[in-house]
N, C-alpha and C. Protein backbone atom coordinates (compact mmCIF):
# COMPACT_ATOMS: atom_id res chain seq x y z
N MET A 1 1.35 -70.37 -27.92
CA MET A 1 1.64 -69.00 -27.53
C MET A 1 0.35 -68.18 -27.60
N VAL A 2 0.19 -67.29 -26.63
CA VAL A 2 -1.00 -66.47 -26.51
C VAL A 2 -0.90 -65.30 -27.48
N ASP A 3 -1.96 -65.08 -28.26
CA ASP A 3 -2.01 -63.95 -29.19
C ASP A 3 -2.82 -62.83 -28.50
N LEU A 4 -2.20 -61.67 -28.29
CA LEU A 4 -2.86 -60.57 -27.59
C LEU A 4 -4.08 -60.04 -28.35
N ARG A 5 -4.13 -60.25 -29.65
CA ARG A 5 -5.28 -59.80 -30.43
C ARG A 5 -6.56 -60.54 -30.03
N ASP A 6 -6.40 -61.72 -29.39
CA ASP A 6 -7.57 -62.46 -28.93
C ASP A 6 -8.23 -61.77 -27.73
N TYR A 7 -7.48 -60.92 -27.05
CA TYR A 7 -7.98 -60.24 -25.86
C TYR A 7 -8.16 -58.73 -26.09
N LEU A 8 -8.21 -58.31 -27.33
CA LEU A 8 -8.37 -56.89 -27.65
C LEU A 8 -9.71 -56.36 -27.14
N TRP A 9 -10.71 -57.22 -27.04
CA TRP A 9 -12.02 -56.78 -26.56
C TRP A 9 -11.93 -56.26 -25.12
N ILE A 10 -11.01 -56.84 -24.34
CA ILE A 10 -10.83 -56.37 -22.96
C ILE A 10 -10.27 -54.96 -22.96
N ILE A 11 -9.33 -54.70 -23.86
CA ILE A 11 -8.76 -53.36 -23.97
C ILE A 11 -9.83 -52.36 -24.36
N TRP A 12 -10.72 -52.74 -25.28
CA TRP A 12 -11.82 -51.85 -25.67
C TRP A 12 -12.72 -51.56 -24.48
N LEU A 13 -13.07 -52.59 -23.71
CA LEU A 13 -13.94 -52.38 -22.54
C LEU A 13 -13.29 -51.48 -21.51
N VAL A 14 -12.00 -51.67 -21.24
CA VAL A 14 -11.29 -50.83 -20.28
C VAL A 14 -11.25 -49.38 -20.78
N PHE A 15 -10.97 -49.20 -22.08
CA PHE A 15 -10.92 -47.85 -22.66
C PHE A 15 -12.28 -47.16 -22.56
N ILE A 16 -13.35 -47.90 -22.83
CA ILE A 16 -14.70 -47.34 -22.72
C ILE A 16 -14.98 -46.94 -21.27
N PHE A 17 -14.63 -47.80 -20.33
CA PHE A 17 -14.84 -47.53 -18.91
C PHE A 17 -14.07 -46.28 -18.48
N VAL A 18 -12.82 -46.15 -18.89
CA VAL A 18 -12.00 -44.99 -18.54
C VAL A 18 -12.61 -43.71 -19.13
N CYS A 19 -13.06 -43.78 -20.37
CA CYS A 19 -13.67 -42.60 -21.00
C CYS A 19 -14.94 -42.18 -20.29
N VAL A 20 -15.74 -43.13 -19.85
CA VAL A 20 -16.98 -42.80 -19.13
C VAL A 20 -16.64 -42.16 -17.78
N ILE A 21 -15.63 -42.66 -17.09
CA ILE A 21 -15.21 -42.07 -15.81
C ILE A 21 -14.76 -40.63 -16.03
N ILE A 22 -13.93 -40.40 -17.05
CA ILE A 22 -13.46 -39.04 -17.34
C ILE A 22 -14.63 -38.14 -17.69
N GLU A 23 -15.59 -38.67 -18.44
CA GLU A 23 -16.77 -37.88 -18.81
C GLU A 23 -17.56 -37.47 -17.57
N LEU A 24 -17.69 -38.37 -16.62
CA LEU A 24 -18.41 -38.03 -15.39
C LEU A 24 -17.72 -36.92 -14.62
N LEU A 25 -16.42 -36.77 -14.78
CA LEU A 25 -15.68 -35.72 -14.10
C LEU A 25 -15.71 -34.39 -14.86
N THR A 26 -15.78 -34.43 -16.19
CA THR A 26 -15.70 -33.20 -16.98
C THR A 26 -17.05 -32.67 -17.43
N LEU A 27 -18.00 -33.54 -17.72
CA LEU A 27 -19.34 -33.17 -18.18
C LEU A 27 -19.33 -32.29 -19.43
N GLU A 28 -18.47 -32.60 -20.37
CA GLU A 28 -18.40 -31.83 -21.61
C GLU A 28 -18.83 -32.65 -22.83
N PHE A 29 -19.21 -33.90 -22.64
CA PHE A 29 -19.70 -34.81 -23.68
C PHE A 29 -18.64 -35.25 -24.68
N THR A 30 -17.39 -34.80 -24.54
CA THR A 30 -16.35 -35.21 -25.47
C THR A 30 -15.97 -36.68 -25.24
N PHE A 31 -15.66 -37.02 -24.01
CA PHE A 31 -15.26 -38.39 -23.72
C PHE A 31 -16.43 -39.36 -23.84
N LEU A 32 -17.65 -38.88 -23.70
CA LEU A 32 -18.81 -39.73 -23.94
C LEU A 32 -18.87 -40.12 -25.41
N MET A 33 -18.55 -39.17 -26.28
CA MET A 33 -18.54 -39.47 -27.72
C MET A 33 -17.40 -40.42 -28.08
N VAL A 34 -16.25 -40.25 -27.43
CA VAL A 34 -15.12 -41.16 -27.66
C VAL A 34 -15.48 -42.56 -27.16
N ALA A 35 -16.18 -42.64 -26.02
CA ALA A 35 -16.60 -43.94 -25.51
C ALA A 35 -17.59 -44.61 -26.47
N ALA A 36 -18.51 -43.81 -27.03
CA ALA A 36 -19.47 -44.37 -27.99
C ALA A 36 -18.75 -44.83 -29.26
N GLY A 37 -17.76 -44.07 -29.70
CA GLY A 37 -16.96 -44.50 -30.84
C GLY A 37 -16.22 -45.79 -30.54
N SER A 38 -15.73 -45.91 -29.31
CA SER A 38 -15.03 -47.13 -28.90
C SER A 38 -15.97 -48.33 -28.85
N LEU A 39 -17.23 -48.07 -28.57
CA LEU A 39 -18.22 -49.16 -28.66
C LEU A 39 -18.29 -49.69 -30.09
N GLY A 40 -18.18 -48.77 -31.06
CA GLY A 40 -18.12 -49.20 -32.46
C GLY A 40 -16.89 -50.04 -32.74
N GLY A 41 -15.75 -49.64 -32.14
CA GLY A 41 -14.53 -50.43 -32.28
C GLY A 41 -14.68 -51.81 -31.64
N LEU A 42 -15.34 -51.86 -30.49
CA LEU A 42 -15.61 -53.14 -29.83
C LEU A 42 -16.52 -54.01 -30.69
N GLY A 43 -17.53 -53.38 -31.29
CA GLY A 43 -18.41 -54.12 -32.19
C GLY A 43 -17.66 -54.69 -33.38
N ALA A 44 -16.75 -53.89 -33.94
CA ALA A 44 -15.94 -54.39 -35.06
C ALA A 44 -15.06 -55.54 -34.61
N ASN A 45 -14.55 -55.48 -33.38
CA ASN A 45 -13.74 -56.57 -32.84
C ASN A 45 -14.56 -57.84 -32.72
N LEU A 46 -15.76 -57.71 -32.20
CA LEU A 46 -16.62 -58.89 -32.02
C LEU A 46 -17.06 -59.48 -33.35
N LEU A 47 -17.07 -58.68 -34.42
CA LEU A 47 -17.40 -59.18 -35.75
C LEU A 47 -16.18 -59.75 -36.47
N GLY A 48 -15.01 -59.67 -35.81
CA GLY A 48 -13.82 -60.29 -36.36
C GLY A 48 -12.96 -59.39 -37.24
N ALA A 49 -13.13 -58.09 -37.17
CA ALA A 49 -12.34 -57.17 -38.00
C ALA A 49 -10.90 -57.11 -37.51
N GLU A 50 -9.99 -56.72 -38.39
CA GLU A 50 -8.59 -56.55 -38.03
C GLU A 50 -8.46 -55.39 -37.03
N TRP A 51 -7.36 -55.36 -36.27
CA TRP A 51 -7.16 -54.34 -35.24
C TRP A 51 -7.15 -52.94 -35.81
N TRP A 52 -6.54 -52.75 -37.00
CA TRP A 52 -6.47 -51.42 -37.59
C TRP A 52 -7.84 -50.95 -38.05
N LEU A 53 -8.68 -51.88 -38.50
CA LEU A 53 -10.04 -51.52 -38.91
C LEU A 53 -10.89 -51.16 -37.68
N GLN A 54 -10.66 -51.83 -36.56
CA GLN A 54 -11.36 -51.51 -35.32
C GLN A 54 -11.06 -50.08 -34.89
N ILE A 55 -9.77 -49.73 -34.94
CA ILE A 55 -9.37 -48.37 -34.55
C ILE A 55 -9.95 -47.35 -35.52
N LEU A 56 -9.96 -47.67 -36.79
CA LEU A 56 -10.52 -46.77 -37.81
C LEU A 56 -12.01 -46.55 -37.58
N VAL A 57 -12.74 -47.63 -37.31
CA VAL A 57 -14.18 -47.52 -37.04
C VAL A 57 -14.42 -46.67 -35.78
N ALA A 58 -13.65 -46.94 -34.73
CA ALA A 58 -13.81 -46.18 -33.48
C ALA A 58 -13.52 -44.71 -33.68
N ALA A 59 -12.44 -44.39 -34.38
CA ALA A 59 -12.06 -42.98 -34.61
C ALA A 59 -13.10 -42.27 -35.47
N ALA A 60 -13.53 -42.92 -36.54
CA ALA A 60 -14.51 -42.29 -37.44
C ALA A 60 -15.83 -42.04 -36.71
N LEU A 61 -16.27 -43.02 -35.94
CA LEU A 61 -17.53 -42.86 -35.21
C LEU A 61 -17.41 -41.78 -34.14
N ALA A 62 -16.29 -41.72 -33.43
CA ALA A 62 -16.08 -40.70 -32.40
C ALA A 62 -16.09 -39.31 -33.02
N VAL A 63 -15.38 -39.13 -34.12
CA VAL A 63 -15.34 -37.81 -34.78
C VAL A 63 -16.73 -37.42 -35.26
N LEU A 64 -17.44 -38.36 -35.86
CA LEU A 64 -18.79 -38.09 -36.34
C LEU A 64 -19.71 -37.66 -35.19
N LEU A 65 -19.63 -38.34 -34.07
CA LEU A 65 -20.46 -37.99 -32.92
C LEU A 65 -20.06 -36.65 -32.31
N ILE A 66 -18.77 -36.38 -32.25
CA ILE A 66 -18.30 -35.11 -31.70
C ILE A 66 -18.77 -33.94 -32.55
N LEU A 67 -18.78 -34.12 -33.85
CA LEU A 67 -19.17 -33.03 -34.75
C LEU A 67 -20.67 -32.88 -34.92
N THR A 68 -21.45 -33.92 -34.63
CA THR A 68 -22.90 -33.83 -34.84
C THR A 68 -23.71 -33.84 -33.55
N ILE A 69 -23.54 -34.85 -32.73
CA ILE A 69 -24.38 -35.01 -31.55
C ILE A 69 -23.95 -34.12 -30.39
N ARG A 70 -22.65 -33.96 -30.18
CA ARG A 70 -22.16 -33.18 -29.03
C ARG A 70 -22.69 -31.75 -29.02
N PRO A 71 -22.62 -30.99 -30.15
CA PRO A 71 -23.16 -29.62 -30.11
C PRO A 71 -24.64 -29.58 -29.74
N LEU A 72 -25.40 -30.55 -30.23
CA LEU A 72 -26.83 -30.61 -29.91
C LEU A 72 -27.03 -30.85 -28.41
N LEU A 73 -26.28 -31.79 -27.85
CA LEU A 73 -26.39 -32.08 -26.42
C LEU A 73 -25.99 -30.87 -25.57
N LEU A 74 -24.93 -30.16 -25.97
CA LEU A 74 -24.50 -28.97 -25.23
C LEU A 74 -25.56 -27.88 -25.28
N ARG A 75 -26.18 -27.71 -26.45
CA ARG A 75 -27.23 -26.70 -26.59
C ARG A 75 -28.41 -27.02 -25.68
N VAL A 76 -28.81 -28.28 -25.66
CA VAL A 76 -29.93 -28.69 -24.81
C VAL A 76 -29.57 -28.52 -23.33
N MET A 77 -28.34 -28.86 -22.98
CA MET A 77 -27.92 -28.77 -21.59
C MET A 77 -27.89 -27.33 -21.10
N HIS A 78 -27.51 -26.38 -21.95
CA HIS A 78 -27.38 -24.99 -21.54
C HIS A 78 -28.65 -24.17 -21.78
N ARG A 79 -29.68 -24.80 -22.29
CA ARG A 79 -30.93 -24.10 -22.52
C ARG A 79 -31.50 -23.66 -21.17
N GLY A 80 -31.90 -22.40 -21.08
CA GLY A 80 -32.47 -21.87 -19.86
C GLY A 80 -31.45 -21.54 -18.79
N ALA A 81 -30.18 -21.51 -19.17
CA ALA A 81 -29.13 -21.19 -18.20
C ALA A 81 -29.23 -19.72 -17.79
N ASP A 82 -28.83 -19.43 -16.59
CA ASP A 82 -28.85 -18.07 -16.07
C ASP A 82 -27.67 -17.30 -16.67
N LEU A 83 -27.95 -16.27 -17.44
CA LEU A 83 -26.91 -15.49 -18.11
C LEU A 83 -26.50 -14.25 -17.32
N THR A 84 -27.01 -14.13 -16.10
CA THR A 84 -26.66 -13.00 -15.26
C THR A 84 -25.19 -13.07 -14.88
N PRO A 85 -24.45 -11.97 -15.09
CA PRO A 85 -23.03 -12.00 -14.70
C PRO A 85 -22.88 -12.25 -13.20
N SER A 86 -21.80 -12.92 -12.85
CA SER A 86 -21.55 -13.18 -11.44
C SER A 86 -20.08 -12.94 -11.14
N ASN A 87 -19.75 -12.99 -9.88
CA ASN A 87 -18.38 -12.80 -9.42
C ASN A 87 -17.84 -11.46 -9.89
N ILE A 88 -16.63 -11.44 -10.42
CA ILE A 88 -16.00 -10.18 -10.83
C ILE A 88 -16.75 -9.52 -11.98
N ALA A 89 -17.27 -10.31 -12.91
CA ALA A 89 -17.99 -9.75 -14.06
C ALA A 89 -19.18 -8.91 -13.61
N ALA A 90 -19.81 -9.27 -12.50
CA ALA A 90 -20.96 -8.52 -12.00
C ALA A 90 -20.55 -7.18 -11.39
N LEU A 91 -19.29 -7.04 -11.00
CA LEU A 91 -18.83 -5.81 -10.37
C LEU A 91 -18.37 -4.76 -11.38
N LEU A 92 -17.95 -5.19 -12.56
CA LEU A 92 -17.45 -4.24 -13.55
C LEU A 92 -18.57 -3.32 -14.02
N GLY A 93 -18.32 -2.01 -13.97
CA GLY A 93 -19.32 -1.03 -14.36
C GLY A 93 -20.28 -0.64 -13.24
N LEU A 94 -20.14 -1.28 -12.09
CA LEU A 94 -21.01 -1.00 -10.96
C LEU A 94 -20.65 0.37 -10.36
N HIS A 95 -21.67 1.12 -9.99
CA HIS A 95 -21.46 2.44 -9.40
C HIS A 95 -21.34 2.32 -7.88
N GLY A 96 -20.78 3.33 -7.28
CA GLY A 96 -20.66 3.35 -5.82
C GLY A 96 -20.32 4.74 -5.35
N ARG A 97 -20.05 4.84 -4.06
CA ARG A 97 -19.66 6.14 -3.50
C ARG A 97 -18.46 5.93 -2.58
N VAL A 98 -17.67 6.98 -2.45
CA VAL A 98 -16.45 6.93 -1.66
C VAL A 98 -16.80 7.06 -0.18
N LEU A 99 -16.25 6.16 0.64
CA LEU A 99 -16.41 6.24 2.09
C LEU A 99 -15.22 6.94 2.73
N GLU A 100 -14.01 6.55 2.31
CA GLU A 100 -12.77 7.18 2.75
C GLU A 100 -12.03 7.66 1.51
N THR A 101 -11.45 8.82 1.58
CA THR A 101 -10.80 9.46 0.44
C THR A 101 -9.96 8.46 -0.37
N VAL A 102 -10.22 8.45 -1.67
CA VAL A 102 -9.46 7.61 -2.58
C VAL A 102 -8.44 8.49 -3.28
N GLY A 103 -7.19 8.23 -3.00
CA GLY A 103 -6.12 9.03 -3.59
C GLY A 103 -4.95 8.17 -3.97
N GLU A 104 -3.78 8.71 -3.80
CA GLU A 104 -2.55 8.04 -4.18
C GLU A 104 -2.36 6.70 -3.47
N ASN A 105 -2.77 6.65 -2.20
CA ASN A 105 -2.56 5.43 -1.39
C ASN A 105 -3.82 4.57 -1.28
N GLY A 106 -4.80 4.82 -2.10
CA GLY A 106 -6.02 4.03 -2.05
C GLY A 106 -7.06 4.65 -1.15
N GLY A 107 -8.11 3.91 -0.91
CA GLY A 107 -9.19 4.39 -0.07
C GLY A 107 -10.23 3.31 0.09
N LEU A 108 -11.48 3.73 0.35
CA LEU A 108 -12.55 2.79 0.62
C LEU A 108 -13.80 3.26 -0.11
N VAL A 109 -14.49 2.32 -0.80
CA VAL A 109 -15.73 2.66 -1.49
C VAL A 109 -16.82 1.67 -1.11
N LYS A 110 -18.06 2.15 -1.18
CA LYS A 110 -19.22 1.27 -0.98
C LYS A 110 -19.92 1.19 -2.33
N LEU A 111 -20.07 -0.02 -2.84
CA LEU A 111 -20.66 -0.23 -4.15
C LEU A 111 -22.18 -0.31 -4.06
N ALA A 112 -22.83 -0.18 -5.20
CA ALA A 112 -24.29 -0.18 -5.25
C ALA A 112 -24.90 -1.49 -4.75
N ASN A 113 -24.13 -2.58 -4.78
CA ASN A 113 -24.66 -3.86 -4.29
C ASN A 113 -24.51 -4.00 -2.78
N GLY A 114 -23.99 -2.97 -2.10
CA GLY A 114 -23.87 -2.97 -0.66
C GLY A 114 -22.51 -3.41 -0.14
N GLU A 115 -21.63 -3.88 -1.00
CA GLU A 115 -20.31 -4.33 -0.57
C GLU A 115 -19.37 -3.15 -0.40
N THR A 116 -18.48 -3.27 0.58
CA THR A 116 -17.46 -2.26 0.82
C THR A 116 -16.12 -2.83 0.37
N TRP A 117 -15.41 -2.08 -0.47
CA TRP A 117 -14.15 -2.52 -1.04
C TRP A 117 -13.05 -1.50 -0.81
N THR A 118 -11.82 -2.00 -0.67
CA THR A 118 -10.69 -1.08 -0.76
C THR A 118 -10.62 -0.67 -2.22
N ALA A 119 -10.16 0.54 -2.46
CA ALA A 119 -10.18 1.04 -3.83
C ALA A 119 -8.92 1.83 -4.14
N ARG A 120 -8.62 1.89 -5.40
CA ARG A 120 -7.56 2.76 -5.90
C ARG A 120 -8.03 3.34 -7.21
N LEU A 121 -7.40 4.42 -7.61
CA LEU A 121 -7.80 5.09 -8.84
C LEU A 121 -7.25 4.37 -10.06
N ASP A 122 -8.02 4.42 -11.12
CA ASP A 122 -7.58 3.89 -12.41
C ASP A 122 -6.40 4.73 -12.91
N SER A 123 -5.57 4.15 -13.74
CA SER A 123 -4.38 4.86 -14.23
C SER A 123 -4.74 6.13 -15.00
N SER A 124 -5.95 6.21 -15.54
CA SER A 124 -6.35 7.42 -16.27
C SER A 124 -6.76 8.55 -15.33
N ALA A 125 -6.88 8.26 -14.03
CA ALA A 125 -7.33 9.29 -13.09
C ALA A 125 -6.38 9.46 -11.92
N LEU A 126 -5.11 9.13 -12.11
CA LEU A 126 -4.15 9.19 -11.01
C LEU A 126 -3.93 10.60 -10.48
N ASP A 127 -4.23 11.62 -11.27
CA ASP A 127 -4.01 12.99 -10.84
C ASP A 127 -5.12 13.50 -9.92
N LEU A 128 -6.14 12.73 -9.69
CA LEU A 128 -7.29 13.14 -8.88
C LEU A 128 -7.22 12.62 -7.46
N VAL A 129 -7.99 13.25 -6.59
CA VAL A 129 -8.24 12.75 -5.24
C VAL A 129 -9.76 12.81 -5.06
N LEU A 130 -10.36 11.68 -4.76
CA LEU A 130 -11.81 11.63 -4.60
C LEU A 130 -12.17 11.68 -3.12
N ASP A 131 -12.92 12.69 -2.75
CA ASP A 131 -13.33 12.87 -1.36
C ASP A 131 -14.54 12.00 -1.05
N ALA A 132 -14.87 11.91 0.24
CA ALA A 132 -16.02 11.13 0.68
C ALA A 132 -17.29 11.60 -0.03
N GLU A 133 -18.16 10.65 -0.32
CA GLU A 133 -19.44 10.85 -1.00
C GLU A 133 -19.30 11.09 -2.51
N SER A 134 -18.09 11.07 -3.06
CA SER A 134 -17.93 11.19 -4.52
C SER A 134 -18.46 9.93 -5.17
N LYS A 135 -19.05 10.10 -6.34
CA LYS A 135 -19.59 8.96 -7.08
C LYS A 135 -18.47 8.36 -7.93
N VAL A 136 -18.39 7.01 -7.92
CA VAL A 136 -17.36 6.31 -8.68
C VAL A 136 -17.98 5.15 -9.45
N THR A 137 -17.20 4.66 -10.42
CA THR A 137 -17.59 3.49 -11.20
C THR A 137 -16.41 2.52 -11.23
N VAL A 138 -16.68 1.25 -11.04
CA VAL A 138 -15.65 0.22 -11.03
C VAL A 138 -15.23 -0.09 -12.47
N THR A 139 -13.92 -0.04 -12.74
CA THR A 139 -13.42 -0.38 -14.07
C THR A 139 -12.70 -1.73 -14.07
N ALA A 140 -12.24 -2.18 -12.92
CA ALA A 140 -11.54 -3.47 -12.83
C ALA A 140 -11.48 -3.90 -11.37
N ILE A 141 -11.19 -5.17 -11.19
CA ILE A 141 -10.95 -5.71 -9.85
C ILE A 141 -9.56 -6.35 -9.89
N GLU A 142 -8.70 -5.93 -8.99
CA GLU A 142 -7.35 -6.48 -8.89
C GLU A 142 -7.18 -7.04 -7.49
N GLY A 143 -7.29 -8.34 -7.36
CA GLY A 143 -7.23 -8.97 -6.05
C GLY A 143 -8.44 -8.58 -5.24
N SER A 144 -8.22 -7.93 -4.12
CA SER A 144 -9.33 -7.48 -3.28
C SER A 144 -9.50 -5.97 -3.35
N THR A 145 -9.03 -5.38 -4.43
CA THR A 145 -9.11 -3.93 -4.60
C THR A 145 -9.92 -3.60 -5.85
N ALA A 146 -10.86 -2.68 -5.68
CA ALA A 146 -11.64 -2.20 -6.82
C ALA A 146 -10.90 -1.02 -7.45
N VAL A 147 -10.71 -1.09 -8.74
CA VAL A 147 -10.10 0.02 -9.48
C VAL A 147 -11.26 0.89 -9.97
N VAL A 148 -11.23 2.17 -9.59
CA VAL A 148 -12.38 3.04 -9.85
C VAL A 148 -11.97 4.31 -10.60
N ILE A 149 -12.98 4.91 -11.21
CA ILE A 149 -12.83 6.23 -11.81
C ILE A 149 -14.03 7.06 -11.36
N PRO A 150 -13.93 8.38 -11.39
CA PRO A 150 -15.11 9.21 -11.06
C PRO A 150 -16.22 8.94 -12.07
N SER A 151 -17.44 8.90 -11.62
CA SER A 151 -18.57 8.62 -12.52
C SER A 151 -18.74 9.66 -13.61
N GLU A 152 -18.28 10.90 -13.37
CA GLU A 152 -18.40 11.96 -14.38
C GLU A 152 -17.51 11.68 -15.58
N ARG A 153 -16.46 10.87 -15.43
CA ARG A 153 -15.51 10.62 -16.50
C ARG A 153 -16.01 9.60 -17.52
N ILE A 154 -17.13 8.97 -17.26
CA ILE A 154 -17.65 7.96 -18.17
C ILE A 154 -18.36 8.66 -19.32
N THR A 155 -17.99 8.31 -20.52
CA THR A 155 -18.64 8.88 -21.70
C THR A 155 -19.60 7.86 -22.26
N PRO A 156 -20.85 8.29 -22.54
CA PRO A 156 -21.86 7.34 -23.05
C PRO A 156 -21.56 6.86 -24.45
């Protein structure tokens, strides 16, 4: 009768391969550390250790690598990264001017970056109507609409 423990090394190799594939898709170094820990489990298998000891070695090595090597690798990988806000974060706090009256039903504003957005007033300024050429500041983006307040309302 075939003993499946004789073929446990194949399971280790498949698990390592799957972890490396997942790591290539995520790029977070977590599955790379699990794969390296599994290499330790494979090594324990090749040295003749019991199945539970193989799993223990793999788990301990993976945890050790995740807690020590992974943060270092992430720090090195993100060194020199561009910290400039982008997308919606870059629009928050941006100044602009009203092109079409912004009131109860919305309006149109041109932001300092040159983009033209549909706009509506922030809930704190619903009682106002902003005429053309009024200065505004973006407080939020909701879908394709900039939520604005008059620039005079901003307190330093």
